[in-house]
């Protein structure tokens, strides 16, 4: 399952909380109005977060119900998030983390990650 705001009419969305998701594989083209993103995956199905340009976002956290991890997340790209202060990634399969325009980032928590590209 894929989710993009262009197909769902979410251009004014400020808060996105997806709790106990079981089959979300890719989250892409998030709206720039998003201020908070919270993903809680039931089985760690999320593999990719793409084209996340979130200038109003202040907090970002990716975590799972199972052992606080997203075991299948391999690629995360976040761009133009100047208000993002904390990003907690507990994704043991994460190979590529691409952060651009995140000047306010103070805390990056990547427990258990071995990156091939950062």
PDB file of N, CA and C in Angstrom:
ATOM      1  N   UNK A   1       0.843  -1.172   0.000  1.00  0.00           N
ATOM      2  CA  UNK A   1       0.000   0.000   0.000  1.00  0.00           C
ATOM      3  C   UNK A   1       0.889   1.235   0.000  1.00  0.00           C
ATOM      4  N   UNK A   2       0.540   2.212  -0.806  1.00  0.00           N
ATOM      5  CA  UNK A   2       1.279   3.458  -0.913  1.00  0.00           C
ATOM      6  C   UNK A   2       0.364   4.613  -0.546  1.00  0.00           C
ATOM      7  N   UNK A   3       0.929   5.650   0.078  1.00  0.00           N
ATOM      8  CA  UNK A   3       0.129   6.817   0.430  1.00  0.00           C
ATOM      9  C   UNK A   3       0.834   8.066  -0.064  1.00  0.00           C
ATOM     10  N   UNK A   4       0.122   8.874  -0.864  1.00  0.00           N
ATOM     11  CA  UNK A   4       0.632  10.168  -1.297  1.00  0.00           C
ATOM     12  C   UNK A   4      -0.472  11.195  -1.119  1.00  0.00           C
ATOM     13  N   UNK A   5      -0.105  12.433  -0.766  1.00  0.00           N
ATOM     14  CA  UNK A   5      -1.130  13.456  -0.549  1.00  0.00           C
ATOM     15  C   UNK A   5      -1.752  13.936  -1.854  1.00  0.00           C
ATOM     16  N   UNK A   6      -1.056  13.763  -2.977  1.00  0.00           N
ATOM     17  CA  UNK A   6      -1.592  14.241  -4.243  1.00  0.00           C
ATOM     18  C   UNK A   6      -2.808  13.445  -4.687  1.00  0.00           C
ATOM     19  N   UNK A   7      -2.887  12.210  -4.265  1.00  0.00           N
ATOM     20  CA  UNK A   7      -4.011  11.370  -4.655  1.00  0.00           C
ATOM     21  C   UNK A   7      -5.143  11.403  -3.636  1.00  0.00           C
ATOM     22  N   UNK A   8      -4.881  11.887  -2.449  1.00  0.00           N
ATOM     23  CA  UNK A   8      -5.889  11.813  -1.402  1.00  0.00           C
ATOM     24  C   UNK A   8      -6.429  13.168  -0.967  1.00  0.00           C
ATOM     25  N   UNK A   9      -5.994  14.281  -1.582  1.00  0.00           N
ATOM     26  CA  UNK A   9      -6.517  15.601  -1.248  1.00  0.00           C
ATOM     27  C   UNK A   9      -6.149  16.070   0.145  1.00  0.00           C
ATOM     28  N   UNK A  10      -4.912  15.827   0.576  1.00  0.00           N
ATOM     29  CA  UNK A  10      -4.488  16.175   1.934  1.00  0.00           C
ATOM     30  C   UNK A  10      -3.596  17.412   1.949  1.00  0.00           C
ATOM     31  N   UNK A  11      -3.852  18.372   1.083  1.00  0.00           N
ATOM     32  CA  UNK A  11      -2.967  19.524   0.947  1.00  0.00           C
ATOM     33  C   UNK A  11      -2.962  20.452   2.156  1.00  0.00           C
ATOM     34  N   UNK A  12      -3.936  20.359   3.063  1.00  0.00           N
ATOM     35  CA  UNK A  12      -3.976  21.195   4.266  1.00  0.00           C
ATOM     36  C   UNK A  12      -3.665  20.413   5.535  1.00  0.00           C
ATOM     37  N   UNK A  13      -3.237  19.189   5.397  1.00  0.00           N
ATOM     38  CA  UNK A  13      -2.983  18.314   6.544  1.00  0.00           C
ATOM     39  C   UNK A  13      -1.854  18.854   7.416  1.00  0.00           C
ATOM     40  N   UNK A  14      -2.081  18.966   8.741  1.00  0.00           N
ATOM     41  CA  UNK A  14      -1.066  19.446   9.675  1.00  0.00           C
ATOM     42  C   UNK A  14      -0.497  18.327  10.529  1.00  0.00           C
ATOM     43  N   UNK A  15      -1.319  17.356  10.898  1.00  0.00           N
ATOM     44  CA  UNK A  15      -0.877  16.254  11.751  1.00  0.00           C
ATOM     45  C   UNK A  15      -1.255  14.943  11.076  1.00  0.00           C
ATOM     46  N   UNK A  16      -0.283  14.047  10.968  1.00  0.00           N
ATOM     47  CA  UNK A  16      -0.545  12.722  10.411  1.00  0.00           C
ATOM     48  C   UNK A  16      -0.080  11.686  11.418  1.00  0.00           C
ATOM     49  N   UNK A  17      -1.018  10.938  11.941  1.00  0.00           N
ATOM     50  CA  UNK A  17      -0.709   9.868  12.891  1.00  0.00           C
ATOM     51  C   UNK A  17      -1.291   8.576  12.334  1.00  0.00           C
ATOM     52  N   UNK A  18      -0.430   7.665  11.988  1.00  0.00           N
ATOM     53  CA  UNK A  18      -0.850   6.366  11.479  1.00  0.00           C
ATOM     54  C   UNK A  18      -0.499   5.334  12.541  1.00  0.00           C
ATOM     55  N   UNK A  19      -1.505   4.860  13.240  1.00  0.00           N
ATOM     56  CA  UNK A  19      -1.284   3.930  14.344  1.00  0.00           C
ATOM     57  C   UNK A  19      -1.619   2.506  13.934  1.00  0.00           C
ATOM     58  N   UNK A  20      -0.746   1.608  14.302  1.00  0.00           N
ATOM     59  CA  UNK A  20      -0.896   0.176  14.078  1.00  0.00           C
ATOM     60  C   UNK A  20      -1.169  -0.118  12.601  1.00  0.00           C
ATOM     61  N   UNK A  21      -0.292   0.385  11.740  1.00  0.00           N
ATOM     62  CA  UNK A  21      -0.381   0.103  10.309  1.00  0.00           C
ATOM     63  C   UNK A  21       0.186  -1.289  10.056  1.00  0.00           C
ATOM     64  N   UNK A  22      -0.488  -2.043   9.210  1.00  0.00           N
ATOM     65  CA  UNK A  22      -0.032  -3.407   8.954  1.00  0.00           C
ATOM     66  C   UNK A  22       0.510  -3.620   7.551  1.00  0.00           C
ATOM     67  N   UNK A  23       0.187  -2.728   6.592  1.00  0.00           N
ATOM     68  CA  UNK A  23       0.635  -3.009   5.233  1.00  0.00           C
ATOM     69  C   UNK A  23       1.115  -1.773   4.464  1.00  0.00           C
ATOM     70  N   UNK A  24       1.486  -0.708   5.135  1.00  0.00           N
ATOM     71  CA  UNK A  24       1.993   0.486   4.465  1.00  0.00           C
ATOM     72  C   UNK A  24       3.446   0.254   4.075  1.00  0.00           C
ATOM     73  N   UNK A  25       3.738   0.256   2.772  1.00  0.00           N
ATOM     74  CA  UNK A  25       5.096   0.007   2.300  1.00  0.00           C
ATOM     75  C   UNK A  25       5.851   1.304   2.033  1.00  0.00           C
ATOM     76  N   UNK A  26       5.173   2.306   1.458  1.00  0.00           N
ATOM     77  CA  UNK A  26       5.830   3.557   1.099  1.00  0.00           C
ATOM     78  C   UNK A  26       4.949   4.744   1.468  1.00  0.00           C
ATOM     79  N   UNK A  27       5.558   5.742   2.068  1.00  0.00           N
ATOM     80  CA  UNK A  27       4.890   7.000   2.389  1.00  0.00           C
ATOM     81  C   UNK A  27       5.636   8.065   1.599  1.00  0.00           C
ATOM     82  N   UNK A  28       4.974   8.673   0.595  1.00  0.00           N
ATOM     83  CA  UNK A  28       5.702   9.610  -0.258  1.00  0.00           C
ATOM     84  C   UNK A  28       4.907  10.880  -0.520  1.00  0.00           C
ATOM     85  N   UNK A  29       5.627  11.899  -0.979  1.00  0.00           N
ATOM     86  CA  UNK A  29       5.044  13.195  -1.346  1.00  0.00           C
ATOM     87  C   UNK A  29       4.137  13.741  -0.253  1.00  0.00           C
ATOM     88  N   UNK A  30       4.679  13.847   0.942  1.00  0.00           N
ATOM     89  CA  UNK A  30       3.908  14.369   2.063  1.00  0.00           C
ATOM     90  C   UNK A  30       3.632  15.858   1.860  1.00  0.00           C
ATOM     91  N   UNK A  31       2.477  16.359   2.325  1.00  0.00           N
ATOM     92  CA  UNK A  31       2.162  17.778   2.137  1.00  0.00           C
ATOM     93  C   UNK A  31       3.097  18.671   2.948  1.00  0.00           C
ATOM     94  N   UNK A  32       3.438  19.831   2.404  1.00  0.00           N
ATOM     95  CA  UNK A  32       4.357  20.750   3.084  1.00  0.00           C
ATOM     96  C   UNK A  32       3.731  21.393   4.314  1.00  0.00           C
ATOM     97  N   UNK A  33       2.435  21.259   4.503  1.00  0.00           N
ATOM     98  CA  UNK A  33       1.746  21.815   5.665  1.00  0.00           C
ATOM     99  C   UNK A  33       1.899  20.936   6.903  1.00  0.00           C
ATOM    100  N   UNK A  34       2.449  19.734   6.744  1.00  0.00           N
ATOM    101  CA  UNK A  34       2.551  18.781   7.846  1.00  0.00           C
ATOM    102  C   UNK A  34       3.465  19.314   8.947  1.00  0.00           C
ATOM    103  N   UNK A  35       2.969  19.326  10.194  1.00  0.00           N
ATOM    104  CA  UNK A  35       3.733  19.792  11.345  1.00  0.00           C
ATOM    105  C   UNK A  35       4.199  18.636  12.220  1.00  0.00           C
ATOM    106  N   UNK A  36       3.457  17.550  12.230  1.00  0.00           N
ATOM    107  CA  UNK A  36       3.837  16.406  13.058  1.00  0.00           C
ATOM    108  C   UNK A  36       3.524  15.118  12.314  1.00  0.00           C
ATOM    109  N   UNK A  37       4.488  14.196  12.325  1.00  0.00           N
ATOM    110  CA  UNK A  37       4.328  12.892  11.699  1.00  0.00           C
ATOM    111  C   UNK A  37       4.628  11.824  12.733  1.00  0.00           C
ATOM    112  N   UNK A  38       3.682  10.929  12.931  1.00  0.00           N
ATOM    113  CA  UNK A  38       3.866   9.823  13.861  1.00  0.00           C
ATOM    114  C   UNK A  38       3.427   8.539  13.174  1.00  0.00           C
ATOM    115  N   UNK A  39       4.333   7.579  13.090  1.00  0.00           N
ATOM    116  CA  UNK A  39       4.035   6.289  12.474  1.00  0.00           C
ATOM    117  C   UNK A  39       4.291   5.184  13.486  1.00  0.00           C
ATOM    118  N   UNK A  40       3.299   4.376  13.728  1.00  0.00           N
ATOM    119  CA  UNK A  40       3.465   3.212  14.599  1.00  0.00           C
ATOM    120  C   UNK A  40       3.094   1.998  13.764  1.00  0.00           C
ATOM    121  N   UNK A  41       4.086   1.212  13.431  1.00  0.00           N
ATOM    122  CA  UNK A  41       3.884   0.080  12.533  1.00  0.00           C
ATOM    123  C   UNK A  41       3.656  -1.196  13.336  1.00  0.00           C
ATOM    124  N   UNK A  42       2.673  -1.964  12.928  1.00  0.00           N
ATOM    125  CA  UNK A  42       2.360  -3.220  13.607  1.00  0.00           C
ATOM    126  C   UNK A  42       3.405  -4.293  13.305  1.00  0.00           C
ATOM    127  N   UNK A  43       3.787  -4.426  12.028  1.00  0.00           N
ATOM    128  CA  UNK A  43       4.691  -5.504  11.647  1.00  0.00           C
ATOM    129  C   UNK A  43       5.945  -5.008  10.944  1.00  0.00           C
ATOM    130  N   UNK A  44       6.222  -3.726  11.029  1.00  0.00           N
ATOM    131  CA  UNK A  44       7.429  -3.181  10.412  1.00  0.00           C
ATOM    132  C   UNK A  44       7.394  -3.194   8.898  1.00  0.00           C
ATOM    133  N   UNK A  45       6.236  -3.028   8.286  1.00  0.00           N
ATOM    134  CA  UNK A  45       6.107  -3.144   6.835  1.00  0.00           C
ATOM    135  C   UNK A  45       6.642  -1.935   6.069  1.00  0.00           C
ATOM    136  N   UNK A  46       6.813  -0.786   6.721  1.00  0.00           N
ATOM    137  CA  UNK A  46       7.254   0.416   6.017  1.00  0.00           C
ATOM    138  C   UNK A  46       8.686   0.251   5.525  1.00  0.00           C
ATOM    139  N   UNK A  47       8.890   0.463   4.225  1.00  0.00           N
ATOM    140  CA  UNK A  47      10.212   0.321   3.632  1.00  0.00           C
ATOM    141  C   UNK A  47      10.821   1.650   3.209  1.00  0.00           C
ATOM    142  N   UNK A  48       9.987   2.648   2.895  1.00  0.00           N
ATOM    143  CA  UNK A  48      10.529   3.880   2.347  1.00  0.00           C
ATOM    144  C   UNK A  48       9.658   5.088   2.682  1.00  0.00           C
ATOM    145  N   UNK A  49      10.315   6.188   3.062  1.00  0.00           N
ATOM    146  CA  UNK A  49       9.660   7.485   3.203  1.00  0.00           C
ATOM    147  C   UNK A  49      10.380   8.383   2.209  1.00  0.00           C
ATOM    148  N   UNK A  50       9.652   8.875   1.197  1.00  0.00           N
ATOM    149  CA  UNK A  50      10.274   9.592   0.092  1.00  0.00           C
ATOM    150  C   UNK A  50       9.718  10.999  -0.056  1.00  0.00           C
ATOM    151  N   UNK A  51      10.554  11.897  -0.568  1.00  0.00           N
ATOM    152  CA  UNK A  51      10.138  13.261  -0.916  1.00  0.00           C
ATOM    153  C   UNK A  51       9.426  13.971   0.219  1.00  0.00           C
ATOM    154  N   UNK A  52       9.951  13.856   1.421  1.00  0.00           N
ATOM    155  CA  UNK A  52       9.332  14.511   2.570  1.00  0.00           C
ATOM    156  C   UNK A  52       9.910  15.919   2.708  1.00  0.00           C
ATOM    157  N   UNK A  53       9.226  16.894   2.149  1.00  0.00           N
ATOM    158  CA  UNK A  53       9.609  18.297   2.253  1.00  0.00           C
ATOM    159  C   UNK A  53       8.621  18.950   3.208  1.00  0.00           C
ATOM    160  N   UNK A  54       9.050  19.143   4.464  1.00  0.00           N
ATOM    161  CA  UNK A  54       8.125  19.528   5.529  1.00  0.00           C
ATOM    162  C   UNK A  54       8.614  20.774   6.264  1.00  0.00           C
ATOM    163  N   UNK A  55       8.453  21.975   5.690  1.00  0.00           N
ATOM    164  CA  UNK A  55       8.994  23.183   6.315  1.00  0.00           C
ATOM    165  C   UNK A  55       8.379  23.542   7.658  1.00  0.00           C
ATOM    166  N   UNK A  56       7.185  23.061   7.988  1.00  0.00           N
ATOM    167  CA  UNK A  56       6.540  23.401   9.251  1.00  0.00           C
ATOM    168  C   UNK A  56       6.709  22.332  10.320  1.00  0.00           C
ATOM    169  N   UNK A  57       7.371  21.234   9.991  1.00  0.00           N
ATOM    170  CA  UNK A  57       7.469  20.108  10.911  1.00  0.00           C
ATOM    171  C   UNK A  57       8.404  20.423  12.074  1.00  0.00           C
ATOM    172  N   UNK A  58       7.953  20.156  13.300  1.00  0.00           N
ATOM    173  CA  UNK A  58       8.765  20.407  14.484  1.00  0.00           C
ATOM    174  C   UNK A  58       9.265  19.122  15.132  1.00  0.00           C
ATOM    175  N   UNK A  59       8.510  18.053  15.059  1.00  0.00           N
ATOM    176  CA  UNK A  59       8.923  16.785  15.654  1.00  0.00           C
ATOM    177  C   UNK A  59       8.672  15.657  14.676  1.00  0.00           C
ATOM    178  N   UNK A  60       9.620  14.762  14.572  1.00  0.00           N
ATOM    179  CA  UNK A  60       9.438  13.599  13.720  1.00  0.00           C
ATOM    180  C   UNK A  60       9.925  12.374  14.454  1.00  0.00           C
ATOM    181  N   UNK A  61       9.181  11.339  14.399  1.00  0.00           N
ATOM    182  CA  UNK A  61       9.584  10.111  15.067  1.00  0.00           C
ATOM    183  C   UNK A  61       9.043   8.928  14.292  1.00  0.00           C
ATOM    184  N   UNK A  62       9.896   7.998  13.989  1.00  0.00           N
ATOM    185  CA  UNK A  62       9.482   6.758  13.351  1.00  0.00           C
ATOM    186  C   UNK A  62       9.756   5.642  14.340  1.00  0.00           C
ATOM    187  N   UNK A  63       8.722   4.963  14.773  1.00  0.00           N
ATOM    188  CA  UNK A  63       8.930   3.858  15.686  1.00  0.00           C
ATOM    189  C   UNK A  63       7.863   2.805  15.498  1.00  0.00           C
ATOM    190  N   UNK A  64       8.104   1.654  16.064  1.00  0.00           N
ATOM    191  CA  UNK A  64       7.225   0.518  15.859  1.00  0.00           C
ATOM    192  C   UNK A  64       6.679   0.005  17.178  1.00  0.00           C
ATOM    193  N   UNK A  65       5.540  -0.659  17.127  1.00  0.00           N
ATOM    194  CA  UNK A  65       4.988  -1.312  18.306  1.00  0.00           C
ATOM    195  C   UNK A  65       5.914  -2.444  18.755  1.00  0.00           C
ATOM    196  N   UNK A  66       6.519  -3.129  17.798  1.00  0.00           N
ATOM    197  CA  UNK A  66       7.381  -4.267  18.097  1.00  0.00           C
ATOM    198  C   UNK A  66       8.824  -3.822  18.307  1.00  0.00           C
ATOM    199  N   UNK A  67       9.299  -3.889  19.498  1.00  0.00           N
ATOM    200  CA  UNK A  67      10.686  -3.587  19.848  1.00  0.00           C
ATOM    201  C   UNK A  67      11.149  -2.207  19.385  1.00  0.00           C
ATOM    202  N   UNK A  68      10.239  -1.254  19.282  1.00  0.00           N
ATOM    203  CA  UNK A  68      10.562   0.123  18.866  1.00  0.00           C
ATOM    204  C   UNK A  68      11.441   0.145  17.622  1.00  0.00           C
ATOM    205  N   UNK A  69      11.079  -0.645  16.605  1.00  0.00           N
ATOM    206  CA  UNK A  69      11.878  -0.675  15.383  1.00  0.00           C
ATOM    207  C   UNK A  69      10.999  -0.813  14.152  1.00  0.00           C
ATOM    208  N   UNK A  70      11.556  -0.390  13.028  1.00  0.00           N
ATOM    209  CA  UNK A  70      10.944  -0.591  11.715  1.00  0.00           C
ATOM    210  C   UNK A  70      11.919  -1.476  10.944  1.00  0.00           C
ATOM    211  N   UNK A  71      11.825  -2.773  11.094  1.00  0.00           N
ATOM    212  CA  UNK A  71      12.841  -3.668  10.556  1.00  0.00           C
ATOM    213  C   UNK A  71      12.981  -3.640   9.038  1.00  0.00           C
ATOM    214  N   UNK A  72      11.988  -3.185   8.294  1.00  0.00           N
ATOM    215  CA  UNK A  72      12.069  -3.189   6.834  1.00  0.00           C
ATOM    216  C   UNK A  72      12.383  -1.835   6.218  1.00  0.00           C
ATOM    217  N   UNK A  73      12.429  -0.768   7.018  1.00  0.00           N
ATOM    218  CA  UNK A  73      12.712   0.561   6.474  1.00  0.00           C
ATOM    219  C   UNK A  73      14.149   0.601   5.975  1.00  0.00           C
ATOM    220  N   UNK A  74      14.317   0.845   4.659  1.00  0.00           N
ATOM    221  CA  UNK A  74      15.644   0.834   4.051  1.00  0.00           C
ATOM    222  C   UNK A  74      16.113   2.219   3.624  1.00  0.00           C
ATOM    223  N   UNK A  75      15.187   3.112   3.305  1.00  0.00           N
ATOM    224  CA  UNK A  75      15.544   4.384   2.693  1.00  0.00           C
ATOM    225  C   UNK A  75      14.665   5.494   3.270  1.00  0.00           C
ATOM    226  N   UNK A  76      15.281   6.552   3.784  1.00  0.00           N
ATOM    227  CA  UNK A  76      14.538   7.686   4.326  1.00  0.00           C
ATOM    228  C   UNK A  76      15.151   8.972   3.791  1.00  0.00           C
ATOM    229  N   UNK A  77      14.326   9.787   3.139  1.00  0.00           N
ATOM    230  CA  UNK A  77      14.754  11.083   2.622  1.00  0.00           C
ATOM    231  C   UNK A  77      13.835  12.155   3.188  1.00  0.00           C
ATOM    232  N   UNK A  78      14.416  13.144   3.855  1.00  0.00           N
ATOM    233  CA  UNK A  78      13.655  14.266   4.398  1.00  0.00           C
ATOM    234  C   UNK A  78      14.346  15.541   3.934  1.00  0.00           C
ATOM    235  N   UNK A  79      13.570  16.436   3.279  1.00  0.00           N
ATOM    236  CA  UNK A  79      14.143  17.681   2.775  1.00  0.00           C
ATOM    237  C   UNK A  79      13.329  18.881   3.243  1.00  0.00           C
ATOM    238  N   UNK A  80      14.013  20.008   3.385  1.00  0.00           N
ATOM    239  CA  UNK A  80      13.383  21.291   3.732  1.00  0.00           C
ATOM    240  C   UNK A  80      12.509  21.209   4.977  1.00  0.00           C
ATOM    241  N   UNK A  81      13.091  20.759   6.061  1.00  0.00           N
ATOM    242  CA  UNK A  81      12.400  20.692   7.358  1.00  0.00           C
ATOM    243  C   UNK A  81      13.171  21.530   8.372  1.00  0.00           C
ATOM    244  N   UNK A  82      13.210  22.866   8.204  1.00  0.00           N
ATOM    245  CA  UNK A  82      14.031  23.696   9.075  1.00  0.00           C
ATOM    246  C   UNK A  82      13.597  23.692  10.534  1.00  0.00           C
ATOM    247  N   UNK A  83      12.350  23.332  10.834  1.00  0.00           N
ATOM    248  CA  UNK A  83      11.872  23.313  12.214  1.00  0.00           C
ATOM    249  C   UNK A  83      11.986  21.944  12.868  1.00  0.00           C
ATOM    250  N   UNK A  84      12.436  20.957  12.130  1.00  0.00           N
ATOM    251  CA  UNK A  84      12.597  19.620  12.688  1.00  0.00           C
ATOM    252  C   UNK A  84      13.712  19.649  13.726  1.00  0.00           C
ATOM    253  N   UNK A  85      13.374  19.340  14.989  1.00  0.00           N
ATOM    254  CA  UNK A  85      14.347  19.384  16.073  1.00  0.00           C
ATOM    255  C   UNK A  85      14.869  18.002  16.445  1.00  0.00           C
ATOM    256  N   UNK A  86      13.992  17.004  16.370  1.00  0.00           N
ATOM    257  CA  UNK A  86      14.380  15.654  16.797  1.00  0.00           C
ATOM    258  C   UNK A  86      13.871  14.637  15.789  1.00  0.00           C
ATOM    259  N   UNK A  87      14.740  13.712  15.423  1.00  0.00           N
ATOM    260  CA  UNK A  87      14.359  12.624  14.539  1.00  0.00           C
ATOM    261  C   UNK A  87      14.863  11.329  15.153  1.00  0.00           C
ATOM    262  N   UNK A  88      13.930  10.486  15.556  1.00  0.00           N
ATOM    263  CA  UNK A  88      14.280   9.209  16.185  1.00  0.00           C
ATOM    264  C   UNK A  88      14.011   8.087  15.194  1.00  0.00           C
ATOM    265  N   UNK A  89      15.062   7.402  14.791  1.00  0.00           N
ATOM    266  CA  UNK A  89      14.951   6.304  13.837  1.00  0.00           C
ATOM    267  C   UNK A  89      15.405   5.018  14.503  1.00  0.00           C
ATOM    268  N   UNK A  90      14.511   4.094  14.601  1.00  0.00           N
ATOM    269  CA  UNK A  90      14.839   2.779  15.151  1.00  0.00           C
ATOM    270  C   UNK A  90      14.507   1.772  14.061  1.00  0.00           C
ATOM    271  N   UNK A  91      15.365   1.737  13.053  1.00  0.00           N
ATOM    272  CA  UNK A  91      15.137   0.918  11.865  1.00  0.00           C
ATOM    273  C   UNK A  91      16.422   0.164  11.544  1.00  0.00           C
ATOM    274  N   UNK A  92      16.484  -1.084  11.927  1.00  0.00           N
ATOM    275  CA  UNK A  92      17.728  -1.850  11.809  1.00  0.00           C
ATOM    276  C   UNK A  92      18.152  -2.105  10.366  1.00  0.00           C
ATOM    277  N   UNK A  93      17.232  -2.009   9.412  1.00  0.00           N
ATOM    278  CA  UNK A  93      17.570  -2.234   8.004  1.00  0.00           C
ATOM    279  C   UNK A  93      17.862  -0.940   7.255  1.00  0.00           C
ATOM    280  N   UNK A  94      17.776   0.199   7.943  1.00  0.00           N
ATOM    281  CA  UNK A  94      17.978   1.485   7.275  1.00  0.00           C
ATOM    282  C   UNK A  94      19.402   1.567   6.738  1.00  0.00           C
ATOM    283  N   UNK A  95      19.511   1.721   5.417  1.00  0.00           N
ATOM    284  CA  UNK A  95      20.806   1.801   4.753  1.00  0.00           C
ATOM    285  C   UNK A  95      21.130   3.216   4.302  1.00  0.00           C
ATOM    286  N   UNK A  96      20.088   3.973   3.979  1.00  0.00           N
ATOM    287  CA  UNK A  96      20.307   5.294   3.411  1.00  0.00           C
ATOM    288  C   UNK A  96      19.442   6.335   4.111  1.00  0.00           C
ATOM    289  N   UNK A  97      20.091   7.344   4.672  1.00  0.00           N
ATOM    290  CA  UNK A  97      19.409   8.460   5.320  1.00  0.00           C
ATOM    291  C   UNK A  97      19.873   9.729   4.630  1.00  0.00           C
ATOM    292  N   UNK A  98      18.945  10.449   4.033  1.00  0.00           N
ATOM    293  CA  UNK A  98      19.264  11.649   3.275  1.00  0.00           C
ATOM    294  C   UNK A  98      18.502  12.819   3.888  1.00  0.00           C
ATOM    295  N   UNK A  99      19.217  13.740   4.548  1.00  0.00           N
ATOM    296  CA  UNK A  99      18.616  14.909   5.196  1.00  0.00           C
ATOM    297  C   UNK A  99      19.164  16.171   4.544  1.00  0.00           C
ATOM    298  N   UNK A 100      18.263  17.031   4.039  1.00  0.00           N
ATOM    299  CA  UNK A 100      18.655  18.295   3.416  1.00  0.00           C
ATOM    300  C   UNK A 100      17.778  19.403   3.977  1.00  0.00           C
ATOM    301  N   UNK A 101      18.355  20.537   4.289  1.00  0.00           N
ATOM    302  CA  UNK A 101      17.575  21.689   4.739  1.00  0.00           C
ATOM    303  C   UNK A 101      16.928  21.485   6.095  1.00  0.00           C
ATOM    304  N   UNK A 102      17.606  20.780   6.988  1.00  0.00           N
ATOM    305  CA  UNK A 102      17.093  20.512   8.342  1.00  0.00           C
ATOM    306  C   UNK A 102      17.977  21.244   9.348  1.00  0.00           C
ATOM    307  N   UNK A 103      18.071  22.568   9.194  1.00  0.00           N
ATOM    308  CA  UNK A 103      18.984  23.378  10.000  1.00  0.00           C
ATOM    309  C   UNK A 103      18.698  23.324  11.487  1.00  0.00           C
ATOM    310  N   UNK A 104      17.455  23.094  11.888  1.00  0.00           N
ATOM    311  CA  UNK A 104      17.084  23.072  13.300  1.00  0.00           C
ATOM    312  C   UNK A 104      17.285  21.730  13.981  1.00  0.00           C
ATOM    313  N   UNK A 105      17.766  20.732  13.249  1.00  0.00           N
ATOM    314  CA  UNK A 105      17.931  19.395  13.814  1.00  0.00           C
ATOM    315  C   UNK A 105      18.966  19.415  14.931  1.00  0.00           C
ATOM    316  N   UNK A 106      18.529  19.068  16.145  1.00  0.00           N
ATOM    317  CA  UNK A 106      19.400  19.054  17.314  1.00  0.00           C
ATOM    318  C   UNK A 106      19.710  17.637  17.777  1.00  0.00           C
ATOM    319  N   UNK A 107      18.796  16.709  17.537  1.00  0.00           N
ATOM    320  CA  UNK A 107      18.954  15.354  18.055  1.00  0.00           C
ATOM    321  C   UNK A 107      18.578  14.338  16.981  1.00  0.00           C
ATOM    322  N   UNK A 108      19.552  13.532  16.575  1.00  0.00           N
ATOM    323  CA  UNK A 108      19.323  12.455  15.619  1.00  0.00           C
ATOM    324  C   UNK A 108      19.654  11.150  16.322  1.00  0.00           C
ATOM    325  N   UNK A 109      18.628  10.351  16.569  1.00  0.00           N
ATOM    326  CA  UNK A 109      18.772   9.092  17.299  1.00  0.00           C
ATOM    327  C   UNK A 109      18.626   7.941  16.310  1.00  0.00           C
ATOM    328  N   UNK A 110      19.727   7.266  16.026  1.00  0.00           N
ATOM    329  CA  UNK A 110      19.739   6.165  15.047  1.00  0.00           C
ATOM    330  C   UNK A 110      20.269   4.894  15.694  1.00  0.00           C
ATOM    331  N   UNK A 111      19.623   4.436  16.716  1.00  0.00           N
ATOM    332  CA  UNK A 111      20.072   3.243  17.436  1.00  0.00           C
ATOM    333  C   UNK A 111      20.071   2.017  16.533  1.00  0.00           C
ATOM    334  N   UNK A 112      21.191   1.307  16.521  1.00  0.00           N
ATOM    335  CA  UNK A 112      21.276   0.040  15.812  1.00  0.00           C
ATOM    336  C   UNK A 112      21.378   0.139  14.309  1.00  0.00           C
ATOM    337  N   UNK A 113      21.615   1.336  13.762  1.00  0.00           N
ATOM    338  CA  UNK A 113      21.674   1.492  12.315  1.00  0.00           C
ATOM    339  C   UNK A 113      23.101   1.439  11.806  1.00  0.00           C
ATOM    340  N   UNK A 114      23.282   0.770  10.674  1.00  0.00           N
ATOM    341  CA  UNK A 114      24.551   0.771   9.959  1.00  0.00           C
ATOM    342  C   UNK A 114      24.239   1.309   8.573  1.00  0.00           C
ATOM    343  N   UNK A 115      24.666   2.548   8.293  1.00  0.00           N
ATOM    344  CA  UNK A 115      24.315   3.204   7.043  1.00  0.00           C
ATOM    345  C   UNK A 115      25.332   2.906   5.953  1.00  0.00           C
ATOM    346  N   UNK A 116      24.833   2.746   4.719  1.00  0.00           N
ATOM    347  CA  UNK A 116      25.718   2.679   3.568  1.00  0.00           C
ATOM    348  C   UNK A 116      25.835   4.062   2.943  1.00  0.00           C
ATOM    349  N   UNK A 117      24.878   4.953   3.257  1.00  0.00           N
ATOM    350  CA  UNK A 117      24.900   6.328   2.759  1.00  0.00           C
ATOM    351  C   UNK A 117      24.253   7.224   3.801  1.00  0.00           C
ATOM    352  N   UNK A 118      24.935   8.312   4.176  1.00  0.00           N
ATOM    353  CA  UNK A 118      24.391   9.263   5.148  1.00  0.00           C
ATOM    354  C   UNK A 118      24.686  10.665   4.656  1.00  0.00           C
TER     355      UNK A 118
END
